[in-house]
Amino acid sequence: MESGVTLITTTGYRPEAFDLCKEYVWRQTYSGPLQWIIVDDGHPPMPFNPDRFVQRGIEIQQVFPLPSWIPGQNTLARNLLAAIPVVKYDKVFFIEDDDWYAPDYLDAQIAHMGEAMIVGETHAIYYNVKYQLFAPLNNTQHASMCQTGMHASGLPVLKKVCQTPHSIDLNLWGELKAQGVLYEGHRCVGIKGLPGRAGLGMGHRPPVHWVGWGYDGEWRQLKALVGDDYLHYRAIAERSEKEGDFEIFYWSGQKRYRCNQTWESGIKCEFDTFDYRALLDHVSSPHTYSGKRAPVAQKIRSVSPIVGPNGEEIIHEGDD
């Protein structure tokens, strides 16, 4: 197999995320032979003009597996299997369509890879743009798929682990770790909560309690991680603030959060709060009230304090 780099991206129904992904691939400082395999199982596929990449010498291979994805399906394994037959180069990296990549991501991965069969960044960081929450992970024995690269001679192992469509990254590292290199790095950040097709992994949807997650109300943590690229995510979040489970409004000059859901009786939920964590717990709990009017507990506005980035109480608001 020729010496070079092949990127594999599985995508579909994520236009805003994929637009950013295209820029992150385009700006890579790696200058060797580069093939980008894009597996899109959406119907219709997302628009993509390869001319700009081809002019730079990046080879584009688009794959459109059938049947097309439908909500509720997990087609990741199927789509990875569709990419394997067209891999051209000896080093393969998995570029996930909704994650952030530094310009020197490929160069750093290749430098650490050396002669190893598999390489990856540990201590991943997840960031949910919709909720402005971040979580540092303590993965030291494997890398997330978005932070993994491998030698093409290991593709039969990837094909094997794709027979079981869950935990592909864990299973791949379980098979190849003895021949791999792991190192701590943050040239990739796992972005969650972008518009479009919902992700399946941890962090895309809020659990009842965000244990281990920190609130980044001023976007400072994301800016520290991705630099000025944080502006792309802030803009996306601001455009979609009123499209999800909550809306943002201001009362007495303070930022508040209001639930957008309705009870099963059809009555609009009246829960609103200053406390972002209280909102997350609320919107992730079942909305199954069937009575003729919303419960009194939901009509009384929150008396929770505003909590700062370090957990300090900023102001305490009574009933209004």
C-alpha atoms as a PDB file:
ATOM      1  CA  MET A   1       0.000   0.000   0.000  1.00  0.00           C
ATOM      2  CA  GLU A   2       1.265   3.500  -0.852  1.00  0.00           C
ATOM      3  CA  SER A   3       2.721   5.772   1.817  1.00  0.00           C
ATOM      4  CA  GLY A   4       0.345   8.570   2.754  1.00  0.00           C
ATOM      5  CA  VAL A   5      -2.728   9.362   4.829  1.00  0.00           C
ATOM      6  CA  THR A   6      -6.338   8.328   4.355  1.00  0.00           C
ATOM      7  CA  LEU A   7      -9.060  10.066   6.348  1.00  0.00           C
ATOM      8  CA  ILE A   8     -12.437   8.407   6.935  1.00  0.00           C
ATOM      9  CA  THR A   9     -15.466  10.540   7.844  1.00  0.00           C
ATOM     10  CA  THR A  10     -18.965   9.122   8.296  1.00  0.00           C
ATOM     11  CA  THR A  11     -21.703  11.727   8.050  1.00  0.00           C
ATOM     12  CA  GLY A  12     -25.257  12.567   7.033  1.00  0.00           C
ATOM     13  CA  TYR A  13     -27.842  15.238   7.908  1.00  0.00           C
ATOM     14  CA  ARG A  14     -25.330  17.424   9.749  1.00  0.00           C
ATOM     15  CA  PRO A  15     -24.682  20.341   7.393  1.00  0.00           C
ATOM     16  CA  GLU A  16     -23.403  22.856   9.953  1.00  0.00           C
ATOM     17  CA  ALA A  17     -21.097  20.341  11.587  1.00  0.00           C
ATOM     18  CA  PHE A  18     -19.843  19.058   8.242  1.00  0.00           C
ATOM     19  CA  ASP A  19     -19.125  22.579   6.995  1.00  0.00           C
ATOM     20  CA  LEU A  20     -16.748  23.014   9.930  1.00  0.00           C
ATOM     21  CA  CYS A  21     -15.276  19.565   9.358  1.00  0.00           C
ATOM     22  CA  LYS A  22     -14.385  20.546   5.786  1.00  0.00           C
ATOM     23  CA  GLU A  23     -12.480  23.564   7.068  1.00  0.00           C
ATOM     24  CA  TYR A  24     -10.616  21.515   9.656  1.00  0.00           C
ATOM     25  CA  VAL A  25      -9.492  19.046   6.994  1.00  0.00           C
ATOM     26  CA  TRP A  26      -8.573  21.815   4.563  1.00  0.00           C
ATOM     27  CA  ARG A  27      -6.304  23.631   7.022  1.00  0.00           C
ATOM     28  CA  GLN A  28      -4.252  20.597   8.127  1.00  0.00           C
ATOM     29  CA  THR A  29      -0.534  21.331   7.998  1.00  0.00           C
ATOM     30  CA  TYR A  30       0.239  17.787   6.845  1.00  0.00           C
ATOM     31  CA  SER A  31       1.576  18.104   3.296  1.00  0.00           C
ATOM     32  CA  GLY A  32       1.977  14.513   2.113  1.00  0.00           C
ATOM     33  CA  PRO A  33      -0.382  12.428  -0.043  1.00  0.00           C
ATOM     34  CA  LEU A  34      -3.886  12.697   1.388  1.00  0.00           C
ATOM     35  CA  GLN A  35      -7.120  10.873   0.582  1.00  0.00           C
ATOM     36  CA  TRP A  36     -10.421  11.790   2.226  1.00  0.00           C
ATOM     37  CA  ILE A  37     -13.174   9.168   2.180  1.00  0.00           C
ATOM     38  CA  ILE A  38     -16.572  10.687   3.000  1.00  0.00           C
ATOM     39  CA  VAL A  39     -19.310   8.154   3.730  1.00  0.00           C
ATOM     40  CA  ASP A  40     -22.698   9.907   3.616  1.00  0.00           C
ATOM     41  CA  ASP A  41     -25.777   7.762   4.244  1.00  0.00           C
ATOM     42  CA  GLY A  42     -28.257  10.628   4.380  1.00  0.00           C
ATOM     43  CA  HIS A  43     -30.984  10.988   1.757  1.00  0.00           C
ATOM     44  CA  PRO A  44     -30.415  13.240   0.008  1.00  0.00           C
ATOM     45  CA  PRO A  45     -26.660  13.425   0.694  1.00  0.00           C
ATOM     46  CA  MET A  46     -25.294  16.743   1.860  1.00  0.00           C
ATOM     47  CA  PRO A  47     -23.981  19.063  -0.861  1.00  0.00           C
ATOM     48  CA  PHE A  48     -20.237  18.819  -1.276  1.00  0.00           C
ATOM     49  CA  ASN A  49     -18.060  20.381  -3.960  1.00  0.00           C
ATOM     50  CA  PRO A  50     -14.667  18.621  -3.997  1.00  0.00           C
ATOM     51  CA  ASP A  51     -12.998  21.044  -6.438  1.00  0.00           C
ATOM     52  CA  ARG A  52     -11.229  23.129  -3.785  1.00  0.00           C
ATOM     53  CA  PHE A  53      -9.758  19.997  -2.195  1.00  0.00           C
ATOM     54  CA  VAL A  54      -8.791  18.428  -5.505  1.00  0.00           C
ATOM     55  CA  GLN A  55      -6.974  21.592  -6.558  1.00  0.00           C
ATOM     56  CA  ARG A  56      -4.887  21.318  -3.410  1.00  0.00           C
ATOM     57  CA  GLY A  57      -4.058  17.703  -4.189  1.00  0.00           C
ATOM     58  CA  ILE A  58      -6.461  16.060  -1.726  1.00  0.00           C
ATOM     59  CA  GLU A  59      -8.111  13.014  -3.261  1.00  0.00           C
ATOM     60  CA  ILE A  60     -11.836  12.847  -2.511  1.00  0.00           C
ATOM     61  CA  GLN A  61     -13.715   9.557  -2.476  1.00  0.00           C
ATOM     62  CA  GLN A  62     -17.441   9.815  -1.722  1.00  0.00           C
ATOM     63  CA  VAL A  63     -19.372   6.696  -0.726  1.00  0.00           C
ATOM     64  CA  PHE A  64     -23.182   6.545  -0.468  1.00  0.00           C
ATOM     65  CA  PRO A  65     -24.210   3.329   1.283  1.00  0.00           C
ATOM     66  CA  LEU A  66     -27.762   2.006   1.067  1.00  0.00           C
ATOM     67  CA  PRO A  67     -30.255   1.847   2.603  1.00  0.00           C
ATOM     68  CA  SER A  68     -30.131   5.438   3.801  1.00  0.00           C
ATOM     69  CA  TRP A  69     -30.100   6.161   7.501  1.00  0.00           C
ATOM     70  CA  ILE A  70     -33.415   6.562   9.335  1.00  0.00           C
ATOM     71  CA  PRO A  71     -33.857   7.961  12.868  1.00  0.00           C
ATOM     72  CA  GLY A  72     -33.024   5.471  15.585  1.00  0.00           C
ATOM     73  CA  GLN A  73     -30.487   3.515  13.544  1.00  0.00           C
ATOM     74  CA  ASN A  74     -26.801   3.154  14.342  1.00  0.00           C
ATOM     75  CA  THR A  75     -25.070   2.858  10.965  1.00  0.00           C
ATOM     76  CA  LEU A  76     -21.510   3.682  12.045  1.00  0.00           C
ATOM     77  CA  ALA A  77     -20.192   0.134  11.670  1.00  0.00           C
ATOM     78  CA  ARG A  78     -21.905  -0.305   8.302  1.00  0.00           C
ATOM     79  CA  ASN A  79     -20.443   2.953   7.049  1.00  0.00           C
ATOM     80  CA  LEU A  80     -16.906   2.183   8.235  1.00  0.00           C
ATOM     81  CA  LEU A  81     -17.103  -1.156   6.443  1.00  0.00           C
ATOM     82  CA  ALA A  82     -18.137   0.698   3.284  1.00  0.00           C
ATOM     83  CA  ALA A  83     -14.989   2.841   3.484  1.00  0.00           C
ATOM     84  CA  ILE A  84     -12.452   0.057   4.005  1.00  0.00           C
ATOM     85  CA  PRO A  85     -12.352  -1.230   0.386  1.00  0.00           C
ATOM     86  CA  VAL A  86     -11.377   2.198  -0.996  1.00  0.00           C
ATOM     87  CA  VAL A  87      -8.575   3.020   1.492  1.00  0.00           C
ATOM     88  CA  LYS A  88      -5.512   3.950  -0.562  1.00  0.00           C
ATOM     89  CA  TYR A  89      -2.769   4.922   1.889  1.00  0.00           C
ATOM     90  CA  ASP A  90      -0.942   3.169   4.716  1.00  0.00           C
ATOM     91  CA  LYS A  91      -1.989   5.479   7.571  1.00  0.00           C
ATOM     92  CA  VAL A  92      -5.705   5.785   8.345  1.00  0.00           C
ATOM     93  CA  PHE A  93      -7.334   8.375  10.627  1.00  0.00           C
ATOM     94  CA  PHE A  94     -10.967   8.702  11.663  1.00  0.00           C
ATOM     95  CA  ILE A  95     -12.176  12.296  11.369  1.00  0.00           C
ATOM     96  CA  GLU A  96     -15.575  12.598  12.957  1.00  0.00           C
ATOM     97  CA  ASP A  97     -17.818  15.130  11.270  1.00  0.00           C
ATOM     98  CA  ASP A  98     -18.843  17.041  14.409  1.00  0.00           C
ATOM     99  CA  ASP A  99     -15.534  17.280  16.283  1.00  0.00           C
ATOM    100  CA  TRP A 100     -12.876  19.999  16.402  1.00  0.00           C
ATOM    101  CA  TYR A 101      -9.360  19.401  15.054  1.00  0.00           C
ATOM    102  CA  ALA A 102      -6.287  21.581  15.420  1.00  0.00           C
ATOM    103  CA  PRO A 103      -4.372  22.416  12.215  1.00  0.00           C
ATOM    104  CA  ASP A 104      -1.438  20.219  13.294  1.00  0.00           C
ATOM    105  CA  TYR A 105      -3.576  17.275  14.384  1.00  0.00           C
ATOM    106  CA  LEU A 106      -2.411  14.902  11.634  1.00  0.00           C
ATOM    107  CA  ASP A 107       1.229  15.898  11.939  1.00  0.00           C
ATOM    108  CA  ALA A 108       1.171  15.232  15.686  1.00  0.00           C
ATOM    109  CA  GLN A 109      -0.561  11.874  15.311  1.00  0.00           C
ATOM    110  CA  ILE A 110       1.867  10.735  12.618  1.00  0.00           C
ATOM    111  CA  ALA A 111       4.866  11.801  14.714  1.00  0.00           C
ATOM    112  CA  HIS A 112       3.647   9.733  17.674  1.00  0.00           C
ATOM    113  CA  MET A 113       2.612   6.790  15.527  1.00  0.00           C
ATOM    114  CA  GLY A 114       6.038   5.882  14.192  1.00  0.00           C
ATOM    115  CA  GLU A 115       5.973   2.161  13.396  1.00  0.00           C
ATOM    116  CA  ALA A 116       3.040   1.398  15.725  1.00  0.00           C
ATOM    117  CA  MET A 117      -0.116  -0.284  14.502  1.00  0.00           C
ATOM    118  CA  ILE A 118      -2.454   2.190  16.230  1.00  0.00           C
ATOM    119  CA  VAL A 119      -2.092   5.644  17.788  1.00  0.00           C
ATOM    120  CA  GLY A 120      -4.377   7.873  19.793  1.00  0.00           C
ATOM    121  CA  GLU A 121      -4.842  10.807  22.150  1.00  0.00           C
ATOM    122  CA  THR A 122      -5.929  10.042  25.694  1.00  0.00           C
ATOM    123  CA  HIS A 123      -7.688  12.254  28.281  1.00  0.00           C
ATOM    124  CA  ALA A 124     -10.380  13.314  25.837  1.00  0.00           C
ATOM    125  CA  ILE A 125     -12.435  16.423  26.466  1.00  0.00           C
ATOM    126  CA  TYR A 126     -16.111  16.580  25.505  1.00  0.00           C
ATOM    127  CA  TYR A 127     -17.928  19.872  25.021  1.00  0.00           C
ATOM    128  CA  ASN A 128     -21.697  20.153  24.561  1.00  0.00           C
ATOM    129  CA  VAL A 129     -22.290  23.359  22.612  1.00  0.00           C
ATOM    130  CA  LYS A 130     -26.040  23.420  23.180  1.00  0.00           C
ATOM    131  CA  TYR A 131     -25.700  23.383  26.955  1.00  0.00           C
ATOM    132  CA  GLN A 132     -22.239  25.020  27.234  1.00  0.00           C
ATOM    133  CA  LEU A 133     -20.970  22.137  29.343  1.00  0.00           C
ATOM    134  CA  PHE A 134     -17.584  20.428  29.225  1.00  0.00           C
ATOM    135  CA  ALA A 135     -16.203  17.224  30.669  1.00  0.00           C
ATOM    136  CA  PRO A 136     -12.577  16.074  30.877  1.00  0.00           C
ATOM    137  CA  LEU A 137     -12.427  12.280  30.617  1.00  0.00           C
ATOM    138  CA  ASN A 138      -9.930   9.950  32.197  1.00  0.00           C
ATOM    139  CA  ASN A 139      -9.492   7.507  29.335  1.00  0.00           C
ATOM    140  CA  THR A 140      -5.929   6.251  29.614  1.00  0.00           C
ATOM    141  CA  GLN A 141      -6.201   2.776  28.117  1.00  0.00           C
ATOM    142  CA  HIS A 142      -7.768   3.682  24.785  1.00  0.00           C
ATOM    143  CA  ALA A 143      -8.536   6.672  22.578  1.00  0.00           C
ATOM    144  CA  SER A 144     -11.915   7.801  21.291  1.00  0.00           C
ATOM    145  CA  MET A 145     -12.547   6.978  17.643  1.00  0.00           C
ATOM    146  CA  CYS A 146     -12.232  10.649  16.692  1.00  0.00           C
ATOM    147  CA  GLN A 147      -8.692  10.672  18.165  1.00  0.00           C
ATOM    148  CA  THR A 148      -7.491   7.382  16.701  1.00  0.00           C
ATOM    149  CA  GLY A 149      -5.260   6.530  13.746  1.00  0.00           C
ATOM    150  CA  MET A 150      -4.066   3.137  12.583  1.00  0.00           C
ATOM    151  CA  HIS A 151      -1.856   1.400  10.057  1.00  0.00           C
ATOM    152  CA  ALA A 152      -3.796   0.085   7.084  1.00  0.00           C
ATOM    153  CA  SER A 153      -2.494  -3.418   7.774  1.00  0.00           C
ATOM    154  CA  GLY A 154      -4.814  -3.388  10.800  1.00  0.00           C
ATOM    155  CA  LEU A 155      -7.950  -2.812   8.738  1.00  0.00           C
ATOM    156  CA  PRO A 156      -8.936  -6.510   8.935  1.00  0.00           C
ATOM    157  CA  VAL A 157      -9.157  -5.997  12.716  1.00  0.00           C
ATOM    158  CA  LEU A 158     -11.390  -2.959  12.189  1.00  0.00           C
ATOM    159  CA  LYS A 159     -13.560  -5.063   9.893  1.00  0.00           C
ATOM    160  CA  LYS A 160     -13.793  -7.693  12.611  1.00  0.00           C
ATOM    161  CA  VAL A 161     -14.819  -5.298  15.396  1.00  0.00           C
ATOM    162  CA  CYS A 162     -17.403  -3.666  13.111  1.00  0.00           C
ATOM    163  CA  GLN A 163     -19.320  -6.929  13.169  1.00  0.00           C
ATOM    164  CA  THR A 164     -20.436  -5.762  16.624  1.00  0.00           C
ATOM    165  CA  PRO A 165     -21.729  -2.215  16.049  1.00  0.00           C
ATOM    166  CA  HIS A 166     -21.230  -0.912  19.589  1.00  0.00           C
ATOM    167  CA  SER A 167     -18.073   0.411  21.312  1.00  0.00           C
ATOM    168  CA  ILE A 168     -16.016   0.156  18.131  1.00  0.00           C
ATOM    169  CA  ASP A 169     -13.233   2.306  19.558  1.00  0.00           C
ATOM    170  CA  LEU A 170     -12.969   0.243  22.756  1.00  0.00           C
ATOM    171  CA  ASN A 171     -12.959  -3.035  20.844  1.00  0.00           C
ATOM    172  CA  LEU A 172     -10.430  -1.789  18.290  1.00  0.00           C
ATOM    173  CA  TRP A 173      -8.032  -0.697  21.010  1.00  0.00           C
ATOM    174  CA  GLY A 174      -8.673  -3.914  22.879  1.00  0.00           C
ATOM    175  CA  GLU A 175      -7.424  -5.837  19.846  1.00  0.00           C
ATOM    176  CA  LEU A 176      -4.453  -3.630  18.938  1.00  0.00           C
ATOM    177  CA  LYS A 177      -3.338  -1.853  22.123  1.00  0.00           C
ATOM    178  CA  ALA A 178      -0.290  -4.094  22.562  1.00  0.00           C
ATOM    179  CA  GLN A 179       0.994  -2.727  19.234  1.00  0.00           C
ATOM    180  CA  GLY A 180      -0.122   0.846  19.859  1.00  0.00           C
ATOM    181  CA  VAL A 181       0.941   4.213  21.198  1.00  0.00           C
ATOM    182  CA  LEU A 182      -1.195   6.329  23.517  1.00  0.00           C
ATOM    183  CA  TYR A 183      -0.300   9.875  24.525  1.00  0.00           C
ATOM    184  CA  GLU A 184      -2.061  12.768  26.195  1.00  0.00           C
ATOM    185  CA  GLY A 185      -3.051  15.465  23.749  1.00  0.00           C
ATOM    186  CA  HIS A 186      -5.848  17.927  23.116  1.00  0.00           C
ATOM    187  CA  ARG A 187      -5.572  18.565  19.389  1.00  0.00           C
ATOM    188  CA  CYS A 188      -9.069  17.123  19.064  1.00  0.00           C
ATOM    189  CA  VAL A 189     -12.106  18.085  21.154  1.00  0.00           C
ATOM    190  CA  GLY A 190     -15.244  15.951  21.105  1.00  0.00           C
ATOM    191  CA  ILE A 191     -18.000  18.404  20.223  1.00  0.00           C
ATOM    192  CA  LYS A 192     -21.551  17.463  21.201  1.00  0.00           C
ATOM    193  CA  GLY A 193     -24.976  18.988  20.757  1.00  0.00           C
ATOM    194  CA  LEU A 194     -24.647  20.506  17.278  1.00  0.00           C
ATOM    195  CA  PRO A 195     -27.793  20.820  15.108  1.00  0.00           C
ATOM    196  CA  GLY A 196     -28.828  18.036  12.784  1.00  0.00           C
ATOM    197  CA  ARG A 197     -28.718  14.284  13.133  1.00  0.00           C
ATOM    198  CA  ALA A 198     -28.352  13.477  16.811  1.00  0.00           C
ATOM    199  CA  GLY A 199     -25.240  11.703  18.023  1.00  0.00           C
ATOM    200  CA  LEU A 200     -25.458   8.397  19.856  1.00  0.00           C
ATOM    201  CA  GLY A 201     -22.610   8.749  22.316  1.00  0.00           C
ATOM    202  CA  MET A 202     -22.207  10.211  25.777  1.00  0.00           C
ATOM    203  CA  GLY A 203     -22.874  13.905  26.038  1.00  0.00           C
ATOM    204  CA  HIS A 204     -25.222  14.487  23.100  1.00  0.00           C
ATOM    205  CA  ARG A 205     -28.310  14.409  25.315  1.00  0.00           C
ATOM    206  CA  PRO A 206     -28.387  15.512  28.969  1.00  0.00           C
ATOM    207  CA  PRO A 207     -28.774  12.803  31.590  1.00  0.00           C
ATOM    208  CA  VAL A 208     -30.776  13.597  34.718  1.00  0.00           C
ATOM    209  CA  HIS A 209     -27.582  14.820  36.390  1.00  0.00           C
ATOM    210  CA  TRP A 210     -24.504  16.051  34.537  1.00  0.00           C
ATOM    211  CA  VAL A 211     -22.052  14.396  36.903  1.00  0.00           C
ATOM    212  CA  GLY A 212     -18.505  15.462  36.109  1.00  0.00           C
ATOM    213  CA  TRP A 213     -19.521  18.239  33.703  1.00  0.00           C
ATOM    214  CA  GLY A 214     -18.683  21.898  34.248  1.00  0.00           C
ATOM    215  CA  TYR A 215     -20.669  24.903  33.042  1.00  0.00           C
ATOM    216  CA  ASP A 216     -18.880  27.297  30.683  1.00  0.00           C
ATOM    217  CA  GLY A 217     -21.290  30.231  30.686  1.00  0.00           C
ATOM    218  CA  GLU A 218     -18.831  32.737  29.201  1.00  0.00           C
ATOM    219  CA  TRP A 219     -17.317  30.299  26.650  1.00  0.00           C
ATOM    220  CA  ARG A 220     -13.895  30.745  28.281  1.00  0.00           C
ATOM    221  CA  GLN A 221     -13.178  27.024  28.552  1.00  0.00           C
ATOM    222  CA  LEU A 222     -14.023  26.376  24.900  1.00  0.00           C
ATOM    223  CA  LYS A 223     -11.912  29.350  23.805  1.00  0.00           C
ATOM    224  CA  ALA A 224      -8.988  27.967  25.819  1.00  0.00           C
ATOM    225  CA  LEU A 225      -9.394  24.621  24.033  1.00  0.00           C
ATOM    226  CA  VAL A 226     -10.013  25.676  20.422  1.00  0.00           C
ATOM    227  CA  GLY A 227      -8.947  29.328  20.217  1.00  0.00           C
ATOM    228  CA  ASP A 228     -10.973  31.622  17.979  1.00  0.00           C
ATOM    229  CA  ASP A 229     -12.808  28.627  16.513  1.00  0.00           C
ATOM    230  CA  TYR A 230     -15.047  28.900  19.583  1.00  0.00           C
ATOM    231  CA  LEU A 231     -16.814  31.729  17.740  1.00  0.00           C
ATOM    232  CA  HIS A 232     -18.241  29.217  15.225  1.00  0.00           C
ATOM    233  CA  TYR A 233     -19.823  27.213  18.024  1.00  0.00           C
ATOM    234  CA  ARG A 234     -21.094  30.241  19.907  1.00  0.00           C
ATOM    235  CA  ALA A 235     -22.793  31.481  16.743  1.00  0.00           C
ATOM    236  CA  ILE A 236     -24.431  28.099  16.168  1.00  0.00           C
ATOM    237  CA  ALA A 237     -25.626  27.978  19.784  1.00  0.00           C
ATOM    238  CA  GLU A 238     -27.064  31.496  19.609  1.00  0.00           C
ATOM    239  CA  ARG A 239     -28.948  30.666  16.403  1.00  0.00           C
ATOM    240  CA  SER A 240     -30.514  27.576  17.919  1.00  0.00           C
ATOM    241  CA  GLU A 241     -31.219  28.767  21.473  1.00  0.00           C
ATOM    242  CA  LYS A 242     -34.980  28.691  20.965  1.00  0.00           C
ATOM    243  CA  GLU A 243     -35.093  25.523  18.884  1.00  0.00           C
ATOM    244  CA  GLY A 244     -34.427  22.949  21.590  1.00  0.00           C
ATOM    245  CA  ASP A 245     -35.809  22.088  25.018  1.00  0.00           C
ATOM    246  CA  PHE A 246     -35.358  25.569  26.437  1.00  0.00           C
ATOM    247  CA  GLU A 247     -35.256  29.223  25.512  1.00  0.00           C
ATOM    248  CA  ILE A 248     -33.238  32.060  26.960  1.00  0.00           C
ATOM    249  CA  PHE A 249     -34.820  35.305  28.104  1.00  0.00           C
ATOM    250  CA  TYR A 250     -33.954  38.102  30.512  1.00  0.00           C
ATOM    251  CA  TRP A 251     -35.797  39.156  33.660  1.00  0.00           C
ATOM    252  CA  SER A 252     -34.654  42.009  35.907  1.00  0.00           C
ATOM    253  CA  GLY A 253     -31.548  42.198  33.739  1.00  0.00           C
ATOM    254  CA  GLN A 254     -30.579  38.605  34.498  1.00  0.00           C
ATOM    255  CA  LYS A 255     -30.366  35.664  32.117  1.00  0.00           C
ATOM    256  CA  ARG A 256     -33.074  33.046  32.658  1.00  0.00           C
ATOM    257  CA  TYR A 257     -33.916  29.711  31.079  1.00  0.00           C
ATOM    258  CA  ARG A 258     -37.450  28.584  30.277  1.00  0.00           C
ATOM    259  CA  CYS A 259     -38.604  25.062  29.432  1.00  0.00           C
ATOM    260  CA  ASN A 260     -40.045  24.712  25.913  1.00  0.00           C
ATOM    261  CA  GLN A 261     -41.683  21.343  26.464  1.00  0.00           C
ATOM    262  CA  THR A 262     -45.377  20.621  26.981  1.00  0.00           C
ATOM    263  CA  TRP A 263     -47.101  18.226  29.334  1.00  0.00           C
ATOM    264  CA  GLU A 264     -48.797  15.246  27.717  1.00  0.00           C
ATOM    265  CA  SER A 265     -52.104  17.052  28.333  1.00  0.00           C
ATOM    266  CA  GLY A 266     -50.943  19.708  25.863  1.00  0.00           C
ATOM    267  CA  ILE A 267     -50.349  22.422  28.484  1.00  0.00           C
ATOM    268  CA  LYS A 268     -47.091  24.333  28.051  1.00  0.00           C
ATOM    269  CA  CYS A 269     -44.637  23.786  30.887  1.00  0.00           C
ATOM    270  CA  GLU A 270     -44.067  27.018  32.835  1.00  0.00           C
ATOM    271  CA  PHE A 271     -40.792  26.079  34.498  1.00  0.00           C
ATOM    272  CA  ASP A 272     -38.152  28.788  34.366  1.00  0.00           C
ATOM    273  CA  THR A 273     -35.046  29.341  36.416  1.00  0.00           C
ATOM    274  CA  PHE A 274     -31.827  31.267  36.889  1.00  0.00           C
ATOM    275  CA  ASP A 275     -30.024  28.036  37.725  1.00  0.00           C
ATOM    276  CA  TYR A 276     -28.723  26.332  34.602  1.00  0.00           C
ATOM    277  CA  ARG A 277     -28.150  23.030  36.374  1.00  0.00           C
ATOM    278  CA  ALA A 278     -31.738  23.032  37.630  1.00  0.00           C
ATOM    279  CA  LEU A 279     -32.898  23.547  34.051  1.00  0.00           C
ATOM    280  CA  LEU A 280     -30.837  20.603  32.801  1.00  0.00           C
ATOM    281  CA  ASP A 281     -32.308  18.323  35.450  1.00  0.00           C
ATOM    282  CA  HIS A 282     -35.788  19.557  34.619  1.00  0.00           C
ATOM    283  CA  VAL A 283     -35.767  19.280  30.817  1.00  0.00           C
ATOM    284  CA  SER A 284     -34.261  15.782  30.962  1.00  0.00           C
ATOM    285  CA  SER A 285     -36.991  14.481  33.286  1.00  0.00           C
ATOM    286  CA  PRO A 286     -40.251  12.982  31.917  1.00  0.00           C
ATOM    287  CA  HIS A 287     -42.970  15.484  31.065  1.00  0.00           C
ATOM    288  CA  THR A 288     -45.956  13.254  31.727  1.00  0.00           C
ATOM    289  CA  TYR A 289     -48.390  15.433  33.689  1.00  0.00           C
ATOM    290  CA  SER A 290     -51.917  14.764  32.400  1.00  0.00           C
ATOM    291  CA  GLY A 291     -54.009  17.089  34.514  1.00  0.00           C
ATOM    292  CA  LYS A 292     -55.957  20.150  33.433  1.00  0.00           C
ATOM    293  CA  ARG A 293     -53.430  22.645  34.773  1.00  0.00           C
ATOM    294  CA  ALA A 294     -49.707  22.663  35.370  1.00  0.00           C
ATOM    295  CA  PRO A 295     -48.637  21.587  38.880  1.00  0.00           C
ATOM    296  CA  VAL A 296     -48.136  24.397  41.379  1.00  0.00           C
ATOM    297  CA  ALA A 297     -44.503  23.379  41.769  1.00  0.00           C
ATOM    298  CA  GLN A 298     -43.912  24.213  38.140  1.00  0.00           C
ATOM    299  CA  LYS A 299     -45.801  27.521  38.302  1.00  0.00           C
ATOM    300  CA  ILE A 300     -43.597  28.832  41.105  1.00  0.00           C
ATOM    301  CA  ARG A 301     -40.439  30.198  39.629  1.00  0.00           C
ATOM    302  CA  SER A 302     -37.127  28.887  40.849  1.00  0.00           C
ATOM    303  CA  VAL A 303     -35.550  30.212  44.025  1.00  0.00           C
ATOM    304  CA  SER A 304     -32.232  28.637  43.117  1.00  0.00           C
ATOM    305  CA  PRO A 305     -29.177  30.902  43.066  1.00  0.00           C
ATOM    306  CA  ILE A 306     -27.250  31.900  39.996  1.00  0.00           C
ATOM    307  CA  VAL A 307     -24.142  29.767  40.122  1.00  0.00           C
ATOM    308  CA  GLY A 308     -20.844  31.025  38.722  1.00  0.00           C
ATOM    309  CA  PRO A 309     -18.240  28.958  36.849  1.00  0.00           C
ATOM    310  CA  ASN A 310     -16.571  27.953  40.121  1.00  0.00           C
ATOM    311  CA  GLY A 311     -19.804  27.072  41.888  1.00  0.00           C
ATOM    312  CA  GLU A 312     -20.088  30.382  43.770  1.00  0.00           C
ATOM    313  CA  GLU A 313     -23.498  31.947  44.372  1.00  0.00           C
ATOM    314  CA  ILE A 314     -23.838  35.216  42.457  1.00  0.00           C
ATOM    315  CA  ILE A 315     -27.377  36.254  43.390  1.00  0.00           C
ATOM    316  CA  HIS A 316     -30.410  34.666  45.051  1.00  0.00           C
ATOM    317  CA  GLU A 317     -33.790  35.408  43.520  1.00  0.00           C
ATOM    318  CA  GLY A 318     -37.117  34.884  45.282  1.00  0.00           C
ATOM    319  CA  ASP A 319     -40.525  34.224  43.755  1.00  0.00           C
ATOM    320  CA  ASP A 320     -41.472  36.832  41.173  1.00  0.00           C
END
